[in-house]
């Protein structure tokens, strides 16, 4: 349980960092941060129920597509407003 909380905090921090970098148009740094964020999400996925995994499996390709199209505003919206609907992140 403690490891999950630590990973949740790390994921939350990475989302905040990636969001800021994307909004500042620091694409290279943002992509590195997003890579770390996806790694943390993968680690946390073992603690998710099947419904959460199903929902995330739908939203992750959309996030990837937004990243590939360099639609940073849409990606930030997903990170800040959609992703928290599916996973519990600390405030």
Protein backbone atom coordinates (compact mmCIF):
# COMPACT_ATOMS: atom_id res chain seq x y z
CA UNK A 1 0.00 0.00 0.00
CA UNK A 2 2.80 2.43 0.86
CA UNK A 3 4.54 1.69 -2.45
CA UNK A 4 1.33 2.42 -4.32
CA UNK A 5 1.02 5.77 -2.53
CA UNK A 6 4.64 6.63 -3.35
CA UNK A 7 4.11 5.68 -7.01
CA UNK A 8 0.85 7.66 -7.08
CA UNK A 9 2.65 10.71 -5.75
CA UNK A 10 5.41 10.26 -8.32
CA UNK A 11 2.84 9.86 -11.11
CA UNK A 12 1.00 12.97 -9.96
CA UNK A 13 4.25 14.97 -9.92
CA UNK A 14 5.18 13.71 -13.38
CA UNK A 15 1.76 14.67 -14.75
CA UNK A 16 2.15 18.16 -13.30
CA UNK A 17 5.68 18.47 -14.68
CA UNK A 18 4.71 17.19 -18.14
CA UNK A 19 1.73 19.54 -18.23
CA UNK A 20 3.88 22.54 -17.41
CA UNK A 21 6.53 21.57 -19.96
CA UNK A 22 3.92 21.06 -22.67
CA UNK A 23 2.34 24.43 -21.97
CA UNK A 24 5.78 26.03 -22.12
CA UNK A 25 6.34 24.36 -25.52
CA UNK A 26 9.37 22.46 -24.21
CA UNK A 27 8.51 19.44 -26.31
CA UNK A 28 11.72 17.45 -25.86
CA UNK A 29 11.68 17.71 -22.09
CA UNK A 30 7.94 17.07 -22.01
CA UNK A 31 8.33 13.88 -24.05
CA UNK A 32 10.99 12.59 -21.64
CA UNK A 33 8.70 13.37 -18.73
CA UNK A 34 5.75 11.68 -20.45
CA UNK A 35 7.90 8.60 -20.97
CA UNK A 36 8.61 8.49 -17.22
CA UNK A 37 4.92 9.07 -16.51
CA UNK A 38 3.92 6.10 -18.66
CA UNK A 39 6.51 3.96 -16.85
CA UNK A 40 4.96 4.91 -13.49
CA UNK A 41 1.49 4.27 -14.86
CA UNK A 42 2.61 0.80 -15.91
CA UNK A 43 3.98 0.12 -12.42
CA UNK A 44 0.71 1.26 -10.83
CA UNK A 45 -1.44 -0.70 -13.27
CA UNK A 46 -1.03 -3.89 -11.22
CA UNK A 47 -3.05 -2.22 -8.44
CA UNK A 48 -5.91 -1.15 -10.75
CA UNK A 49 -9.17 -3.03 -11.08
CA UNK A 50 -10.19 -4.40 -14.48
CA UNK A 51 -12.56 -1.50 -15.16
CA UNK A 52 -9.77 1.03 -14.65
CA UNK A 53 -7.42 -0.92 -16.90
CA UNK A 54 -10.12 -1.08 -19.58
CA UNK A 55 -10.72 2.68 -19.38
CA UNK A 56 -7.00 3.43 -19.47
CA UNK A 57 -6.52 1.15 -22.46
CA UNK A 58 -9.00 3.39 -24.29
CA UNK A 59 -7.50 6.72 -23.27
CA UNK A 60 -3.79 5.93 -23.67
CA UNK A 61 -3.97 5.59 -27.48
CA UNK A 62 -5.76 8.94 -27.59
CA UNK A 63 -2.98 10.47 -25.52
CA UNK A 64 -0.38 8.94 -27.81
CA UNK A 65 -2.18 10.28 -30.88
CA UNK A 66 -2.34 13.79 -29.39
CA UNK A 67 1.36 13.58 -28.62
CA UNK A 68 2.19 12.47 -32.16
CA UNK A 69 0.08 15.28 -33.64
CA UNK A 70 1.78 17.74 -31.25
CA UNK A 71 -1.63 18.76 -29.95
CA UNK A 72 -0.24 19.82 -26.59
CA UNK A 73 -3.39 21.55 -25.38
CA UNK A 74 -5.49 18.42 -25.94
CA UNK A 75 -2.84 16.26 -24.28
CA UNK A 76 -2.73 18.59 -21.26
CA UNK A 77 -6.53 18.44 -21.03
CA UNK A 78 -6.40 14.66 -20.98
CA UNK A 79 -3.62 14.60 -18.39
CA UNK A 80 -5.27 17.09 -16.05
CA UNK A 81 -8.98 16.35 -16.49
CA UNK A 82 -9.54 12.91 -18.02
CA UNK A 83 -6.82 10.75 -16.48
CA UNK A 84 -7.81 11.65 -12.88
CA UNK A 85 -11.33 10.34 -13.62
CA UNK A 86 -9.88 6.86 -13.92
CA UNK A 87 -7.08 6.80 -11.36
CA UNK A 88 -6.95 8.20 -7.87
CA UNK A 89 -4.18 10.77 -7.67
CA UNK A 90 -3.13 12.60 -4.51
CA UNK A 91 -3.96 16.29 -4.37
